[in-house]
Amino acid sequence: MKLLLRNFPCLQVFCIAWLSAFAFGQAPDARDSLAACNAGLHACEASRTVPPRLPAAGSPEQKLPGAAELSDRLVVCTNGWETCEFSLLAQADLNSSEHQRNISDCRNGSQACDRSKLTSQETIALAVADHKRNLSDCTDGFTSCDRSRLTPSEAHGVTVAEHERNFSDCKDGVGPCDTVKLSASEANQVASARRQQNVSDCRDGVDSCDSSKLTAAEATGVRFAQQQRNLSNCSDGWGDCDHSRLTRPEAREVATAEHQRNLSECKDGLETCDYSALTAAEAGALKKAEHQRNYAACLKGSGYCDRSRLTPAEAGAIPPVRNDGRQ
């Protein structure tokens, strides 16, 4: 039997599949139920995944097998049919999945966690992970922090981190800032940072700008930046543009940019095109280009075609339209 299977791999695969089906009740329902149990779904039915000849509860055989034992069982079922126990493999697979799911629940702080089912090594690893997570929560300022579980050294590090976070929040103007906790040097740095931020806000036109706090030099720089931003907005056609603030050279520059933008929009057939703003030459060139486009569309039978705009010669070159609408 073994020699026959070894010489015909395809037959070996067929036998494995047949025996697997036989071990699980010769029906796909058992395999589906096993998958449901492994995934922890409500559809799990252990009585259908494991035959009734499993060891009794509490017996030594029911303990979770190790990786080496599982590997040995798999080898036996693959190569030694007479001693194969598919039910043991099914039970081991089910137990392993449930155990790993419990470990995951404990690591994630889920209420489904059952610490009594963890091994001593897993319990220690969980305690280490819990301590690291609590330390991280305290360092990051999360409300889930439990300071009573910190060592003196860790508590000092958390205090330092809190002070640095408060200093950063005060400088950046974000988050809670307690200026009372700042040193004299830090308070000066915060004041300088906030002054620079106000200058930047005024330069960028942000609503939080307080122009009364600007020095004469800063006010001059802000006015120049605002003038350049207005010129850019007018030239690009987006953002807030105030034509009344443009100088004469800037007004001419903006007018040229607006004319070119309108011509481009007309060429593209956009609804924002203002044909009345085109010169006679531009309007003529645009009309000629549109005529060529219309003729090409009629000739190819693709795109919008208005035959009434064709010359007699162009109309004669267009294939007649068939009853089915094709040319």
Protein backbone atom coordinates (compact mmCIF):
# COMPACT_ATOMS: atom_id res chain seq x y z
CA MET A 1 0.00 0.00 0.00
CA LYS A 2 2.74 2.48 0.99
CA LEU A 3 4.79 1.60 -2.08
CA LEU A 4 1.78 2.16 -4.33
CA LEU A 5 1.08 5.56 -2.81
CA ARG A 6 4.74 6.56 -3.02
CA ASN A 7 4.89 5.77 -6.74
CA PHE A 8 1.62 7.56 -7.57
CA PRO A 9 1.52 11.00 -5.89
CA CYS A 10 -1.88 11.83 -7.39
CA LEU A 11 -3.35 8.70 -5.81
CA GLN A 12 -1.78 9.74 -2.51
CA VAL A 13 -3.50 13.15 -2.63
CA PHE A 14 -6.82 11.48 -3.47
CA CYS A 15 -6.50 9.10 -0.53
CA ILE A 16 -5.66 11.92 1.86
CA ALA A 17 -8.74 13.87 0.79
CA TRP A 18 -10.95 10.73 1.02
CA LEU A 19 -9.69 9.79 4.46
CA SER A 20 -10.10 13.38 5.71
CA ALA A 21 -13.72 13.34 4.60
CA PHE A 22 -14.23 9.94 6.25
CA ALA A 23 -12.68 11.13 9.52
CA PHE A 24 -15.02 14.12 9.68
CA GLY A 25 -18.23 12.22 8.98
CA GLN A 26 -17.77 11.98 5.19
CA ALA A 27 -19.52 15.38 4.79
CA PRO A 28 -18.36 18.95 4.13
CA ASP A 29 -20.51 20.15 7.06
CA ALA A 30 -17.96 18.85 9.54
CA ARG A 31 -15.09 20.69 7.86
CA ASP A 32 -17.19 23.88 7.74
CA SER A 33 -18.00 23.52 11.42
CA LEU A 34 -14.31 23.07 12.23
CA ALA A 35 -13.48 26.28 10.34
CA ALA A 36 -16.21 28.07 12.30
CA CYS A 37 -14.77 26.84 15.59
CA ASN A 38 -11.26 27.91 14.61
CA ALA A 39 -12.55 31.40 13.79
CA GLY A 40 -14.54 31.63 17.03
CA LEU A 41 -17.86 32.01 15.23
CA HIS A 42 -21.27 31.29 16.76
CA ALA A 43 -21.82 28.61 14.11
CA CYS A 44 -19.23 26.41 15.84
CA GLU A 45 -20.52 22.92 16.69
CA ALA A 46 -17.77 20.98 18.44
CA SER A 47 -19.86 17.79 18.42
CA ARG A 48 -19.77 17.83 14.62
CA THR A 49 -16.09 18.64 14.27
CA VAL A 50 -14.76 16.04 16.70
CA PRO A 51 -15.96 12.38 16.73
CA PRO A 52 -17.30 11.01 20.04
CA ARG A 53 -14.22 8.79 20.55
CA LEU A 54 -12.18 11.74 21.93
CA PRO A 55 -10.58 11.32 25.37
CA ALA A 56 -12.78 12.15 28.34
CA ALA A 57 -12.56 15.62 29.88
CA GLY A 58 -9.71 15.96 32.34
CA SER A 59 -7.72 13.02 30.96
CA PRO A 60 -3.99 13.53 30.27
CA GLU A 61 -4.63 13.01 26.55
CA GLN A 62 -6.84 16.11 26.42
CA LYS A 63 -3.99 18.50 27.29
CA LEU A 64 -2.93 20.90 24.58
CA PRO A 65 -0.22 19.13 22.53
CA GLY A 66 3.05 20.82 21.73
CA ALA A 67 4.25 21.77 18.26
CA ALA A 68 6.45 18.67 18.01
CA GLU A 69 3.56 16.36 18.94
CA LEU A 70 1.26 18.00 16.42
CA SER A 71 3.93 17.63 13.75
CA ASP A 72 4.34 13.91 14.59
CA ARG A 73 0.58 13.35 14.33
CA LEU A 74 0.50 15.10 10.97
CA VAL A 75 3.36 12.94 9.65
CA VAL A 76 1.56 9.80 10.84
CA CYS A 77 -1.63 10.77 9.08
CA THR A 78 0.27 11.65 5.90
CA ASN A 79 2.43 8.53 5.67
CA GLY A 80 1.17 5.90 8.12
CA TRP A 81 -2.51 5.33 7.54
CA GLU A 82 -2.97 2.45 9.96
CA THR A 83 -2.08 4.55 13.06
CA CYS A 84 -3.56 7.89 11.97
CA GLU A 85 -5.96 9.63 14.37
CA PHE A 86 -7.68 12.44 12.47
CA SER A 87 -9.88 13.21 15.47
CA LEU A 88 -6.82 14.06 17.58
CA LEU A 89 -5.65 16.46 14.89
CA ALA A 90 -9.09 18.10 14.83
CA GLN A 91 -9.18 18.45 18.62
CA ALA A 92 -5.62 19.83 18.71
CA ASP A 93 -6.45 22.34 15.99
CA LEU A 94 -9.61 23.44 17.82
CA ASN A 95 -7.88 23.75 21.22
CA SER A 96 -4.93 25.62 19.73
CA SER A 97 -7.21 28.15 18.02
CA GLU A 98 -9.21 28.76 21.20
CA HIS A 99 -6.03 29.16 23.23
CA GLN A 100 -4.49 31.63 20.81
CA ARG A 101 -7.74 33.59 20.72
CA ASN A 102 -7.71 33.79 24.53
CA ILE A 103 -4.11 35.05 24.48
CA SER A 104 -5.11 37.72 21.97
CA ASP A 105 -8.10 38.74 24.12
CA CYS A 106 -5.83 39.11 27.16
CA ARG A 107 -3.26 41.14 25.23
CA ASN A 108 -6.00 43.45 23.91
CA GLY A 109 -7.59 43.94 27.32
CA SER A 110 -10.84 42.26 26.25
CA GLN A 111 -13.34 41.14 28.90
CA ALA A 112 -13.37 37.74 27.20
CA CYS A 113 -9.84 37.11 28.53
CA ASP A 114 -9.54 34.10 30.87
CA ARG A 115 -6.17 34.43 32.62
CA SER A 116 -6.63 31.07 34.31
CA LYS A 117 -6.13 29.37 30.95
CA LEU A 118 -2.70 30.95 30.38
CA THR A 119 0.51 29.09 30.99
CA SER A 120 3.03 30.51 33.46
CA GLN A 121 5.19 31.80 30.63
CA GLU A 122 2.18 33.41 28.92
CA THR A 123 1.11 35.03 32.19
CA ILE A 124 4.55 36.56 32.65
CA ALA A 125 4.63 37.79 29.04
CA LEU A 126 1.18 39.34 29.51
CA ALA A 127 2.28 41.12 32.70
CA VAL A 128 5.32 42.52 30.88
CA ALA A 129 3.16 43.71 27.96
CA ASP A 130 0.64 45.31 30.38
CA HIS A 131 3.44 47.16 32.17
CA LYS A 132 4.91 48.45 28.91
CA ARG A 133 1.49 49.60 27.69
CA ASN A 134 0.79 51.43 30.97
CA LEU A 135 4.20 53.13 30.84
CA SER A 136 3.53 54.21 27.25
CA ASP A 137 0.08 55.56 28.21
CA CYS A 138 1.60 57.57 31.08
CA THR A 139 4.40 58.92 28.89
CA ASP A 140 1.92 59.99 26.19
CA GLY A 141 -0.46 61.55 28.70
CA PHE A 142 -3.37 59.15 28.17
CA THR A 143 -6.10 58.97 30.81
CA SER A 144 -5.66 55.18 31.01
CA CYS A 145 -2.32 55.75 32.79
CA ASP A 146 -2.00 54.16 36.24
CA ARG A 147 0.88 55.92 38.00
CA SER A 148 0.71 53.55 40.96
CA ARG A 149 2.15 50.78 38.77
CA LEU A 150 5.23 52.79 37.77
CA THR A 151 8.68 52.38 39.29
CA PRO A 152 10.28 55.51 40.81
CA SER A 153 12.57 55.79 37.78
CA GLU A 154 9.65 55.43 35.36
CA ALA A 155 7.58 57.97 37.31
CA HIS A 156 10.43 60.49 37.03
CA GLY A 157 10.66 59.88 33.28
CA VAL A 158 6.91 60.43 32.93
CA THR A 159 7.17 63.71 34.85
CA VAL A 160 9.92 64.89 32.51
CA ALA A 161 7.83 63.89 29.48
CA GLU A 162 4.82 65.80 30.82
CA HIS A 163 6.94 68.91 31.32
CA GLU A 164 8.34 68.72 27.79
CA ARG A 165 4.86 68.19 26.34
CA ASN A 166 3.51 71.22 28.21
CA PHE A 167 6.47 73.33 27.02
CA SER A 168 5.88 72.22 23.41
CA ASP A 169 2.13 72.93 23.62
CA CYS A 170 2.80 76.41 24.95
CA LYS A 171 5.27 77.22 22.17
CA ASP A 172 3.07 75.83 19.39
CA GLY A 173 -0.14 77.29 20.77
CA VAL A 174 -1.90 73.92 20.62
CA GLY A 175 -3.22 71.68 23.35
CA PRO A 176 -3.40 72.59 27.05
CA CYS A 177 -0.68 75.02 28.16
CA ASP A 178 0.12 75.71 31.81
CA THR A 179 2.48 78.69 31.87
CA VAL A 180 2.88 78.35 35.65
CA LYS A 181 4.94 75.19 35.11
CA LEU A 182 7.40 76.96 32.77
CA SER A 183 10.81 78.15 33.89
CA ALA A 184 11.87 81.77 33.23
CA SER A 185 13.93 80.67 30.23
CA GLU A 186 11.09 78.57 28.83
CA ALA A 187 8.61 81.42 29.34
CA ASN A 188 10.87 83.72 27.26
CA GLN A 189 11.11 81.11 24.50
CA VAL A 190 7.32 80.72 24.48
CA ALA A 191 6.81 84.49 24.22
CA SER A 192 9.27 84.69 21.32
CA ALA A 193 7.63 81.74 19.53
CA ARG A 194 4.17 83.26 19.90
CA ARG A 195 5.39 86.62 18.57
CA GLN A 196 6.88 84.95 15.49
CA GLN A 197 3.68 82.97 15.02
CA ASN A 198 1.65 86.18 15.05
CA VAL A 199 3.93 87.74 12.42
CA SER A 200 3.49 84.63 10.28
CA ASP A 201 -0.29 84.72 10.70
CA CYS A 202 -0.40 88.39 9.65
CA ARG A 203 1.84 87.72 6.66
CA ASP A 204 -0.37 84.80 5.54
CA GLY A 205 -3.63 86.63 6.16
CA VAL A 206 -4.80 84.33 8.94
CA ASP A 207 -7.70 85.60 11.04
CA SER A 208 -5.76 85.10 14.28
CA CYS A 209 -3.35 87.91 13.25
CA ASP A 210 -3.07 90.73 15.81
CA SER A 211 -1.52 93.63 13.90
CA SER A 212 -1.32 95.73 17.09
CA LYS A 213 1.49 93.48 18.33
CA LEU A 214 3.69 94.05 15.24
CA THR A 215 6.77 96.24 15.32
CA ALA A 216 7.22 98.90 12.62
CA ALA A 217 9.62 96.67 10.68
CA GLU A 218 7.33 93.66 11.01
CA ALA A 219 4.32 95.71 9.84
CA THR A 220 6.26 96.82 6.73
CA GLY A 221 7.18 93.23 5.91
CA VAL A 222 3.61 92.09 6.43
CA ARG A 223 2.24 94.76 4.06
CA PHE A 224 4.71 93.73 1.34
CA ALA A 225 3.75 90.05 1.77
CA GLN A 226 0.05 90.90 1.60
CA GLN A 227 0.61 92.93 -1.60
CA GLN A 228 2.45 90.04 -3.24
CA ARG A 229 -0.24 87.57 -2.20
CA ASN A 230 -2.98 89.81 -3.67
CA LEU A 231 -1.04 90.13 -6.95
CA SER A 232 -0.62 86.34 -7.12
CA ASN A 233 -4.32 85.74 -6.44
CA CYS A 234 -5.38 88.19 -9.13
CA SER A 235 -2.94 86.78 -11.70
CA ASP A 236 -3.91 83.16 -11.02
CA GLY A 237 -7.62 83.82 -10.85
CA TRP A 238 -8.18 82.15 -7.50
CA GLY A 239 -8.30 83.22 -3.88
CA ASP A 240 -9.16 86.73 -2.72
CA CYS A 241 -8.23 89.37 -5.31
CA ASP A 242 -8.60 93.08 -4.66
CA HIS A 243 -7.98 94.98 -7.92
CA SER A 244 -8.09 98.29 -6.09
CA ARG A 245 -4.86 97.44 -4.27
CA LEU A 246 -2.91 96.78 -7.48
CA THR A 247 -0.37 99.29 -8.77
CA ARG A 248 -0.62 100.34 -12.42
CA PRO A 249 2.12 97.92 -13.58
CA GLU A 250 0.50 95.15 -11.53
CA ALA A 251 -2.93 95.94 -13.01
CA ARG A 252 -1.51 95.61 -16.55
CA GLU A 253 0.17 92.32 -15.62
CA VAL A 254 -3.08 90.99 -14.16
CA ALA A 255 -5.10 92.11 -17.19
CA THR A 256 -2.73 90.21 -19.52
CA ALA A 257 -2.97 87.08 -17.37
CA GLU A 258 -6.77 87.27 -17.22
CA HIS A 259 -7.01 87.71 -21.02
CA GLN A 260 -4.79 84.68 -21.70
CA ARG A 261 -6.76 82.60 -19.19
CA ASN A 262 -10.05 83.53 -20.88
CA LEU A 263 -8.67 82.69 -24.35
CA SER A 264 -7.54 79.28 -23.06
CA GLU A 265 -10.98 78.62 -21.56
CA CYS A 266 -12.64 79.54 -24.88
CA LYS A 267 -10.38 77.16 -26.79
CA ASP A 268 -11.28 74.39 -24.37
CA GLY A 269 -15.00 75.10 -24.71
CA LEU A 270 -15.43 75.88 -21.02
CA GLU A 271 -18.56 77.62 -19.78
CA THR A 272 -16.43 80.32 -18.13
CA CYS A 273 -15.34 81.60 -21.57
CA ASP A 274 -16.24 85.24 -22.27
CA TYR A 275 -16.31 85.54 -26.08
CA SER A 276 -16.90 89.27 -25.87
CA ALA A 277 -13.47 89.72 -24.29
CA LEU A 278 -11.66 88.21 -27.31
CA THR A 279 -9.99 90.33 -29.98
CA ALA A 280 -11.21 90.12 -33.58
CA ALA A 281 -8.17 88.04 -34.55
CA GLU A 282 -8.65 85.65 -31.61
CA ALA A 283 -12.36 85.27 -32.33
CA GLY A 284 -11.59 84.55 -36.01
CA ALA A 285 -8.94 81.96 -35.17
CA LEU A 286 -11.24 80.34 -32.63
CA LYS A 287 -14.08 80.21 -35.17
CA LYS A 288 -11.80 78.60 -37.75
CA ALA A 289 -10.56 76.00 -35.26
CA GLU A 290 -14.13 75.15 -34.24
CA HIS A 291 -15.12 74.78 -37.92
CA GLN A 292 -12.28 72.31 -38.47
CA ARG A 293 -13.25 70.37 -35.36
CA ASN A 294 -16.89 70.14 -36.48
CA TYR A 295 -15.89 68.96 -39.98
CA ALA A 296 -13.58 66.30 -38.56
CA ALA A 297 -16.33 65.07 -36.22
CA CYS A 298 -18.81 64.78 -39.09
CA LEU A 299 -16.25 63.09 -41.33
CA LYS A 300 -15.25 60.49 -38.72
CA GLY A 301 -18.73 60.05 -37.25
CA SER A 302 -17.31 60.70 -33.80
CA GLY A 303 -18.06 63.65 -31.52
CA TYR A 304 -20.59 66.47 -31.84
CA CYS A 305 -21.38 67.16 -35.54
CA ASP A 306 -23.51 70.03 -36.88
CA ARG A 307 -24.00 69.37 -40.61
CA SER A 308 -25.70 72.73 -41.11
CA ARG A 309 -22.36 74.46 -40.54
CA LEU A 310 -20.58 72.53 -43.32
CA THR A 311 -19.80 74.01 -46.74
CA PRO A 312 -21.40 72.25 -49.75
CA ALA A 313 -18.04 70.65 -50.58
CA GLU A 314 -17.57 69.42 -47.00
CA ALA A 315 -21.13 68.12 -46.83
CA GLY A 316 -20.58 66.18 -50.06
CA ALA A 317 -17.55 64.45 -48.56
CA ILE A 318 -19.53 63.14 -45.58
CA PRO A 319 -20.74 59.51 -46.01
CA PRO A 320 -24.55 59.23 -45.96
CA VAL A 321 -26.19 58.10 -42.72
CA ARG A 322 -27.66 54.55 -42.81
CA ASN A 323 -31.00 53.60 -41.31
CA ASP A 324 -29.26 52.12 -38.27
CA GLY A 325 -27.63 55.51 -37.59
CA ARG A 326 -24.16 54.49 -38.82
CA GLN A 327 -22.36 56.21 -41.70
